[in-house]
């Protein structure tokens, strides 16, 4: 999975899985400085992606719960980044 492609949507679970792998590799301390920076940059993008997805889900859940004091769904428009 290449997270460098801006239009590619890896999916939350795959992004989180890749992020965990990056963290593990960085914690081991066996990477060169260049590889460490590449991992840091990719990890930063994955954190932003996962955070945005979680925020979207949170807003959808809030809409579901708040609609007319009961349960139901309402259209959700994601905020432009």
PDB file of N, CA and C in Angstrom:
ATOM      1  N   UNK A   1       0.841  -1.174   0.000  1.00  0.00           N
ATOM      2  CA  UNK A   1       0.000   0.000   0.000  1.00  0.00           C
ATOM      3  C   UNK A   1       0.883   1.232   0.000  1.00  0.00           C
ATOM      4  N   UNK A   2       0.710   2.105  -0.939  1.00  0.00           N
ATOM      5  CA  UNK A   2       1.449   3.361  -1.010  1.00  0.00           C
ATOM      6  C   UNK A   2       0.519   4.479  -0.595  1.00  0.00           C
ATOM      7  N   UNK A   3       0.818   5.112   0.532  1.00  0.00           N
ATOM      8  CA  UNK A   3      -0.012   6.220   1.011  1.00  0.00           C
ATOM      9  C   UNK A   3       0.411   7.536   0.372  1.00  0.00           C
ATOM     10  N   UNK A   4       1.496   7.541  -0.424  1.00  0.00           N
ATOM     11  CA  UNK A   4       1.962   8.772  -1.034  1.00  0.00           C
ATOM     12  C   UNK A   4       0.988   9.307  -2.074  1.00  0.00           C
ATOM     13  N   UNK A   5       0.200   8.463  -2.676  1.00  0.00           N
ATOM     14  CA  UNK A   5      -0.762   8.894  -3.682  1.00  0.00           C
ATOM     15  C   UNK A   5      -1.914   9.598  -2.983  1.00  0.00           C
ATOM     16  N   UNK A   6      -2.122  10.872  -3.310  1.00  0.00           N
ATOM     17  CA  UNK A   6      -3.111  11.672  -2.601  1.00  0.00           C
ATOM     18  C   UNK A   6      -4.543  11.248  -2.886  1.00  0.00           C
ATOM     19  N   UNK A   7      -4.838  10.717  -4.051  1.00  0.00           N
ATOM     20  CA  UNK A   7      -6.203  10.345  -4.409  1.00  0.00           C
ATOM     21  C   UNK A   7      -6.556   8.931  -3.986  1.00  0.00           C
ATOM     22  N   UNK A   8      -5.594   8.183  -3.487  1.00  0.00           N
ATOM     23  CA  UNK A   8      -5.829   6.799  -3.099  1.00  0.00           C
ATOM     24  C   UNK A   8      -6.438   6.749  -1.707  1.00  0.00           C
ATOM     25  N   UNK A   9      -7.499   5.983  -1.532  1.00  0.00           N
ATOM     26  CA  UNK A   9      -8.133   5.815  -0.230  1.00  0.00           C
ATOM     27  C   UNK A   9      -7.826   4.403   0.258  1.00  0.00           C
ATOM     28  N   UNK A  10      -6.882   4.277   1.191  1.00  0.00           N
ATOM     29  CA  UNK A  10      -6.472   2.949   1.620  1.00  0.00           C
ATOM     30  C   UNK A  10      -7.499   2.252   2.507  1.00  0.00           C
ATOM     31  N   UNK A  11      -8.447   2.971   3.031  1.00  0.00           N
ATOM     32  CA  UNK A  11      -9.392   2.403   3.982  1.00  0.00           C
ATOM     33  C   UNK A  11      -8.817   2.546   5.380  1.00  0.00           C
ATOM     34  N   UNK A  12      -9.677   2.781   6.350  1.00  0.00           N
ATOM     35  CA  UNK A  12      -9.231   3.053   7.710  1.00  0.00           C
ATOM     36  C   UNK A  12      -8.412   1.908   8.288  1.00  0.00           C
ATOM     37  N   UNK A  13      -8.904   0.690   8.155  1.00  0.00           N
ATOM     38  CA  UNK A  13      -8.228  -0.452   8.765  1.00  0.00           C
ATOM     39  C   UNK A  13      -6.836  -0.667   8.177  1.00  0.00           C
ATOM     40  N   UNK A  14      -6.716  -0.560   6.859  1.00  0.00           N
ATOM     41  CA  UNK A  14      -5.405  -0.745   6.224  1.00  0.00           C
ATOM     42  C   UNK A  14      -4.448   0.384   6.597  1.00  0.00           C
ATOM     43  N   UNK A  15      -4.971   1.602   6.675  1.00  0.00           N
ATOM     44  CA  UNK A  15      -4.135   2.739   7.065  1.00  0.00           C
ATOM     45  C   UNK A  15      -3.633   2.567   8.491  1.00  0.00           C
ATOM     46  N   UNK A  16      -4.499   2.144   9.379  1.00  0.00           N
ATOM     47  CA  UNK A  16      -4.114   1.927  10.770  1.00  0.00           C
ATOM     48  C   UNK A  16      -3.099   0.797  10.887  1.00  0.00           C
ATOM     49  N   UNK A  17      -3.306  -0.256  10.125  1.00  0.00           N
ATOM     50  CA  UNK A  17      -2.370  -1.386  10.107  1.00  0.00           C
ATOM     51  C   UNK A  17      -0.979  -0.928   9.639  1.00  0.00           C
ATOM     52  N   UNK A  18      -0.944  -0.137   8.584  1.00  0.00           N
ATOM     53  CA  UNK A  18       0.334   0.376   8.073  1.00  0.00           C
ATOM     54  C   UNK A  18       0.984   1.305   9.099  1.00  0.00           C
ATOM     55  N   UNK A  19       0.194   2.126   9.737  1.00  0.00           N
ATOM     56  CA  UNK A  19       0.710   3.042  10.751  1.00  0.00           C
ATOM     57  C   UNK A  19       1.340   2.263  11.908  1.00  0.00           C
ATOM     58  N   UNK A  20       0.695   1.199  12.329  1.00  0.00           N
ATOM     59  CA  UNK A  20       1.250   0.367  13.406  1.00  0.00           C
ATOM     60  C   UNK A  20       2.584  -0.249  12.993  1.00  0.00           C
ATOM     61  N   UNK A  21       2.678  -0.674  11.739  1.00  0.00           N
ATOM     62  CA  UNK A  21       3.924  -1.258  11.247  1.00  0.00           C
ATOM     63  C   UNK A  21       5.040  -0.203  11.224  1.00  0.00           C
ATOM     64  N   UNK A  22       4.703   0.997  10.787  1.00  0.00           N
ATOM     65  CA  UNK A  22       5.682   2.087  10.747  1.00  0.00           C
ATOM     66  C   UNK A  22       6.199   2.384  12.153  1.00  0.00           C
ATOM     67  N   UNK A  23       5.292   2.473  13.108  1.00  0.00           N
ATOM     68  CA  UNK A  23       5.686   2.762  14.487  1.00  0.00           C
ATOM     69  C   UNK A  23       6.616   1.674  15.013  1.00  0.00           C
ATOM     70  N   UNK A  24       6.278   0.431  14.765  1.00  0.00           N
ATOM     71  CA  UNK A  24       7.112  -0.681  15.220  1.00  0.00           C
ATOM     72  C   UNK A  24       8.510  -0.591  14.625  1.00  0.00           C
ATOM     73  N   UNK A  25       8.587  -0.339  13.317  1.00  0.00           N
ATOM     74  CA  UNK A  25       9.888  -0.246  12.654  1.00  0.00           C
ATOM     75  C   UNK A  25      10.703   0.925  13.194  1.00  0.00           C
ATOM     76  N   UNK A  26      10.045   2.041  13.464  1.00  0.00           N
ATOM     77  CA  UNK A  26      10.754   3.205  13.988  1.00  0.00           C
ATOM     78  C   UNK A  26      11.230   2.962  15.419  1.00  0.00           C
ATOM     79  N   UNK A  27      10.428   2.279  16.212  1.00  0.00           N
ATOM     80  CA  UNK A  27      10.812   1.997  17.593  1.00  0.00           C
ATOM     81  C   UNK A  27      11.997   1.041  17.680  1.00  0.00           C
ATOM     82  N   UNK A  28      12.141   0.173  16.691  1.00  0.00           N
ATOM     83  CA  UNK A  28      13.259  -0.767  16.700  1.00  0.00           C
ATOM     84  C   UNK A  28      14.599  -0.047  16.568  1.00  0.00           C
ATOM     85  N   UNK A  29      14.605   1.119  15.924  1.00  0.00           N
ATOM     86  CA  UNK A  29      15.797   1.939  15.836  1.00  0.00           C
ATOM     87  C   UNK A  29      16.841   1.465  14.846  1.00  0.00           C
ATOM     88  N   UNK A  30      16.501   0.578  13.930  1.00  0.00           N
ATOM     89  CA  UNK A  30      17.455   0.042  12.963  1.00  0.00           C
ATOM     90  C   UNK A  30      17.409   0.756  11.617  1.00  0.00           C
ATOM     91  N   UNK A  31      16.662   1.837  11.508  1.00  0.00           N
ATOM     92  CA  UNK A  31      16.487   2.527  10.233  1.00  0.00           C
ATOM     93  C   UNK A  31      17.524   3.632  10.060  1.00  0.00           C
ATOM     94  N   UNK A  32      17.878   3.884   8.809  1.00  0.00           N
ATOM     95  CA  UNK A  32      18.757   5.017   8.513  1.00  0.00           C
ATOM     96  C   UNK A  32      17.961   6.305   8.742  1.00  0.00           C
ATOM     97  N   UNK A  33      18.667   7.406   8.810  1.00  0.00           N
ATOM     98  CA  UNK A  33      18.007   8.689   9.016  1.00  0.00           C
ATOM     99  C   UNK A  33      17.023   8.986   7.878  1.00  0.00           C
ATOM    100  N   UNK A  34      17.420   8.707   6.634  1.00  0.00           N
ATOM    101  CA  UNK A  34      16.537   8.950   5.489  1.00  0.00           C
ATOM    102  C   UNK A  34      15.275   8.083   5.572  1.00  0.00           C
ATOM    103  N   UNK A  35      15.452   6.820   5.909  1.00  0.00           N
ATOM    104  CA  UNK A  35      14.308   5.907   6.004  1.00  0.00           C
ATOM    105  C   UNK A  35      13.403   6.334   7.172  1.00  0.00           C
ATOM    106  N   UNK A  36      14.013   6.792   8.261  1.00  0.00           N
ATOM    107  CA  UNK A  36      13.248   7.268   9.410  1.00  0.00           C
ATOM    108  C   UNK A  36      12.384   8.466   9.001  1.00  0.00           C
ATOM    109  N   UNK A  37      12.954   9.381   8.229  1.00  0.00           N
ATOM    110  CA  UNK A  37      12.186  10.547   7.767  1.00  0.00           C
ATOM    111  C   UNK A  37      11.055  10.128   6.827  1.00  0.00           C
ATOM    112  N   UNK A  38      11.316   9.177   5.940  1.00  0.00           N
ATOM    113  CA  UNK A  38      10.267   8.686   5.043  1.00  0.00           C
ATOM    114  C   UNK A  38       9.126   8.078   5.854  1.00  0.00           C
ATOM    115  N   UNK A  39       9.475   7.292   6.859  1.00  0.00           N
ATOM    116  CA  UNK A  39       8.456   6.682   7.714  1.00  0.00           C
ATOM    117  C   UNK A  39       7.678   7.757   8.477  1.00  0.00           C
ATOM    118  N   UNK A  40       8.381   8.757   8.977  1.00  0.00           N
ATOM    119  CA  UNK A  40       7.721   9.829   9.716  1.00  0.00           C
ATOM    120  C   UNK A  40       6.728  10.568   8.823  1.00  0.00           C
ATOM    121  N   UNK A  41       7.138  10.884   7.597  1.00  0.00           N
ATOM    122  CA  UNK A  41       6.250  11.591   6.671  1.00  0.00           C
ATOM    123  C   UNK A  41       5.033  10.754   6.319  1.00  0.00           C
ATOM    124  N   UNK A  42       5.258   9.481   6.009  1.00  0.00           N
ATOM    125  CA  UNK A  42       4.139   8.602   5.680  1.00  0.00           C
ATOM    126  C   UNK A  42       3.217   8.437   6.893  1.00  0.00           C
ATOM    127  N   UNK A  43       3.813   8.260   8.054  1.00  0.00           N
ATOM    128  CA  UNK A  43       3.023   8.115   9.278  1.00  0.00           C
ATOM    129  C   UNK A  43       2.180   9.346   9.557  1.00  0.00           C
ATOM    130  N   UNK A  44       2.743  10.517   9.324  1.00  0.00           N
ATOM    131  CA  UNK A  44       1.994  11.760   9.530  1.00  0.00           C
ATOM    132  C   UNK A  44       0.775  11.831   8.609  1.00  0.00           C
ATOM    133  N   UNK A  45       0.968  11.433   7.358  1.00  0.00           N
ATOM    134  CA  UNK A  45      -0.170  11.422   6.416  1.00  0.00           C
ATOM    135  C   UNK A  45      -1.232  10.421   6.856  1.00  0.00           C
ATOM    136  N   UNK A  46      -0.796   9.258   7.329  1.00  0.00           N
ATOM    137  CA  UNK A  46      -1.746   8.242   7.768  1.00  0.00           C
ATOM    138  C   UNK A  46      -2.508   8.692   9.016  1.00  0.00           C
ATOM    139  N   UNK A  47      -1.832   9.374   9.935  1.00  0.00           N
ATOM    140  CA  UNK A  47      -2.503   9.898  11.125  1.00  0.00           C
ATOM    141  C   UNK A  47      -3.577  10.907  10.714  1.00  0.00           C
ATOM    142  N   UNK A  48      -3.254  11.799   9.781  1.00  0.00           N
ATOM    143  CA  UNK A  48      -4.238  12.780   9.305  1.00  0.00           C
ATOM    144  C   UNK A  48      -5.430  12.076   8.660  1.00  0.00           C
ATOM    145  N   UNK A  49      -5.151  11.067   7.851  1.00  0.00           N
ATOM    146  CA  UNK A  49      -6.223  10.325   7.177  1.00  0.00           C
ATOM    147  C   UNK A  49      -7.132   9.647   8.210  1.00  0.00           C
ATOM    148  N   UNK A  50      -6.528   8.923   9.158  1.00  0.00           N
ATOM    149  CA  UNK A  50      -7.315   8.209  10.165  1.00  0.00           C
ATOM    150  C   UNK A  50      -8.118   9.176  11.028  1.00  0.00           C
ATOM    151  N   UNK A  51      -7.513  10.280  11.393  1.00  0.00           N
ATOM    152  CA  UNK A  51      -8.200  11.287  12.196  1.00  0.00           C
ATOM    153  C   UNK A  51      -9.408  11.854  11.452  1.00  0.00           C
ATOM    154  N   UNK A  52      -9.232  12.146  10.178  1.00  0.00           N
ATOM    155  CA  UNK A  52     -10.335  12.678   9.370  1.00  0.00           C
ATOM    156  C   UNK A  52     -11.468  11.664   9.269  1.00  0.00           C
ATOM    157  N   UNK A  53     -11.128  10.401   9.049  1.00  0.00           N
ATOM    158  CA  UNK A  53     -12.161   9.359   8.945  1.00  0.00           C
ATOM    159  C   UNK A  53     -12.915   9.210  10.262  1.00  0.00           C
ATOM    160  N   UNK A  54     -12.187   9.231  11.390  1.00  0.00           N
ATOM    161  CA  UNK A  54     -12.844   9.125  12.691  1.00  0.00           C
ATOM    162  C   UNK A  54     -13.763  10.318  12.945  1.00  0.00           C
ATOM    163  N   UNK A  55     -13.336  11.503  12.542  1.00  0.00           N
ATOM    164  CA  UNK A  55     -14.186  12.696  12.700  1.00  0.00           C
ATOM    165  C   UNK A  55     -15.455  12.573  11.876  1.00  0.00           C
ATOM    166  N   UNK A  56     -15.342  12.059  10.659  1.00  0.00           N
ATOM    167  CA  UNK A  56     -16.526  11.863   9.814  1.00  0.00           C
ATOM    168  C   UNK A  56     -17.505  10.906  10.476  1.00  0.00           C
ATOM    169  N   UNK A  57     -16.994   9.803  10.990  1.00  0.00           N
ATOM    170  CA  UNK A  57     -17.851   8.808  11.627  1.00  0.00           C
ATOM    171  C   UNK A  57     -18.510   9.403  12.868  1.00  0.00           C
ATOM    172  N   UNK A  58     -17.749  10.150  13.643  1.00  0.00           N
ATOM    173  CA  UNK A  58     -18.296  10.785  14.838  1.00  0.00           C
ATOM    174  C   UNK A  58     -19.455  11.713  14.478  1.00  0.00           C
ATOM    175  N   UNK A  59     -19.284  12.507  13.428  1.00  0.00           N
ATOM    176  CA  UNK A  59     -20.351  13.424  13.005  1.00  0.00           C
ATOM    177  C   UNK A  59     -21.577  12.656  12.531  1.00  0.00           C
ATOM    178  N   UNK A  60     -21.365  11.567  11.812  1.00  0.00           N
ATOM    179  CA  UNK A  60     -22.495  10.758  11.349  1.00  0.00           C
ATOM    180  C   UNK A  60     -23.261  10.172  12.535  1.00  0.00           C
ATOM    181  N   UNK A  61     -22.518   9.713  13.550  1.00  0.00           N
ATOM    182  CA  UNK A  61     -23.170   9.154  14.736  1.00  0.00           C
ATOM    183  C   UNK A  61     -23.953  10.237  15.462  1.00  0.00           C
ATOM    184  N   UNK A  62     -23.374  11.425  15.591  1.00  0.00           N
ATOM    185  CA  UNK A  62     -24.087  12.536  16.238  1.00  0.00           C
ATOM    186  C   UNK A  62     -25.373  12.855  15.496  1.00  0.00           C
ATOM    187  N   UNK A  63     -25.331  12.873  14.174  1.00  0.00           N
ATOM    188  CA  UNK A  63     -26.537  13.155  13.396  1.00  0.00           C
ATOM    189  C   UNK A  63     -27.579  12.067  13.611  1.00  0.00           C
ATOM    190  N   UNK A  64     -27.136  10.847  13.674  1.00  0.00           N
ATOM    191  CA  UNK A  64     -28.042   9.721  13.870  1.00  0.00           C
ATOM    192  C   UNK A  64     -28.746   9.837  15.218  1.00  0.00           C
ATOM    193  N   UNK A  65     -28.011  10.168  16.253  1.00  0.00           N
ATOM    194  CA  UNK A  65     -28.567  10.252  17.595  1.00  0.00           C
ATOM    195  C   UNK A  65     -29.441  11.483  17.779  1.00  0.00           C
ATOM    196  N   UNK A  66     -29.068  12.618  17.197  1.00  0.00           N
ATOM    197  CA  UNK A  66     -29.769  13.884  17.427  1.00  0.00           C
ATOM    198  C   UNK A  66     -31.025  14.063  16.593  1.00  0.00           C
ATOM    199  N   UNK A  67     -31.182  13.322  15.525  1.00  0.00           N
ATOM    200  CA  UNK A  67     -32.298  13.560  14.616  1.00  0.00           C
ATOM    201  C   UNK A  67     -33.639  13.376  15.334  1.00  0.00           C
ATOM    202  N   UNK A  68     -34.365  14.456  15.473  1.00  0.00           N
ATOM    203  CA  UNK A  68     -35.712  14.470  16.054  1.00  0.00           C
ATOM    204  C   UNK A  68     -35.780  13.785  17.415  1.00  0.00           C
ATOM    205  N   UNK A  69     -34.714  13.837  18.163  1.00  0.00           N
ATOM    206  CA  UNK A  69     -34.727  13.246  19.493  1.00  0.00           C
ATOM    207  C   UNK A  69     -34.791  11.732  19.486  1.00  0.00           C
ATOM    208  N   UNK A  70     -34.743  11.135  18.334  1.00  0.00           N
ATOM    209  CA  UNK A  70     -34.791   9.681  18.228  1.00  0.00           C
ATOM    210  C   UNK A  70     -33.687   9.204  17.323  1.00  0.00           C
ATOM    211  N   UNK A  71     -33.858   8.036  16.792  1.00  0.00           N
ATOM    212  CA  UNK A  71     -32.845   7.539  15.875  1.00  0.00           C
ATOM    213  C   UNK A  71     -33.327   7.686  14.450  1.00  0.00           C
ATOM    214  N   UNK A  72     -32.420   7.913  13.594  1.00  0.00           N
ATOM    215  CA  UNK A  72     -32.691   8.090  12.176  1.00  0.00           C
ATOM    216  C   UNK A  72     -31.416   8.571  11.540  1.00  0.00           C
ATOM    217  N   UNK A  73     -31.436   8.771  10.275  1.00  0.00           N
ATOM    218  CA  UNK A  73     -30.239   9.255   9.605  1.00  0.00           C
ATOM    219  C   UNK A  73     -30.532  10.559   8.904  1.00  0.00           C
ATOM    220  N   UNK A  74     -29.483  11.334   8.714  1.00  0.00           N
ATOM    221  CA  UNK A  74     -29.581  12.595   7.983  1.00  0.00           C
ATOM    222  C   UNK A  74     -28.394  12.659   7.049  1.00  0.00           C
ATOM    223  N   UNK A  75     -28.536  13.342   5.925  1.00  0.00           N
ATOM    224  CA  UNK A  75     -27.402  13.444   5.001  1.00  0.00           C
ATOM    225  C   UNK A  75     -26.223  14.103   5.683  1.00  0.00           C
ATOM    226  N   UNK A  76     -25.047  13.634   5.385  1.00  0.00           N
ATOM    227  CA  UNK A  76     -23.826  14.170   5.961  1.00  0.00           C
ATOM    228  C   UNK A  76     -22.942  14.697   4.860  1.00  0.00           C
ATOM    229  N   UNK A  77     -22.527  15.919   5.002  1.00  0.00           N
ATOM    230  CA  UNK A  77     -21.609  16.527   4.043  1.00  0.00           C
ATOM    231  C   UNK A  77     -20.277  16.673   4.734  1.00  0.00           C
ATOM    232  N   UNK A  78     -19.251  15.972   4.250  1.00  0.00           N
ATOM    233  CA  UNK A  78     -17.914  16.078   4.828  1.00  0.00           C
ATOM    234  C   UNK A  78     -17.359  17.472   4.549  1.00  0.00           C
ATOM    235  N   UNK A  79     -16.656  18.009   5.545  1.00  0.00           N
ATOM    236  CA  UNK A  79     -16.070  19.318   5.383  1.00  0.00           C
ATOM    237  C   UNK A  79     -14.915  19.243   4.407  1.00  0.00           C
ATOM    238  N   UNK A  80     -14.775  20.258   3.585  1.00  0.00           N
ATOM    239  CA  UNK A  80     -13.648  20.305   2.655  1.00  0.00           C
ATOM    240  C   UNK A  80     -12.371  20.597   3.431  1.00  0.00           C
ATOM    241  N   UNK A  81     -11.302  19.887   3.089  1.00  0.00           N
ATOM    242  CA  UNK A  81     -10.039  20.069   3.808  1.00  0.00           C
ATOM    243  C   UNK A  81      -9.239  21.172   3.218  1.00  0.00           C
TER     244      UNK A  81
END
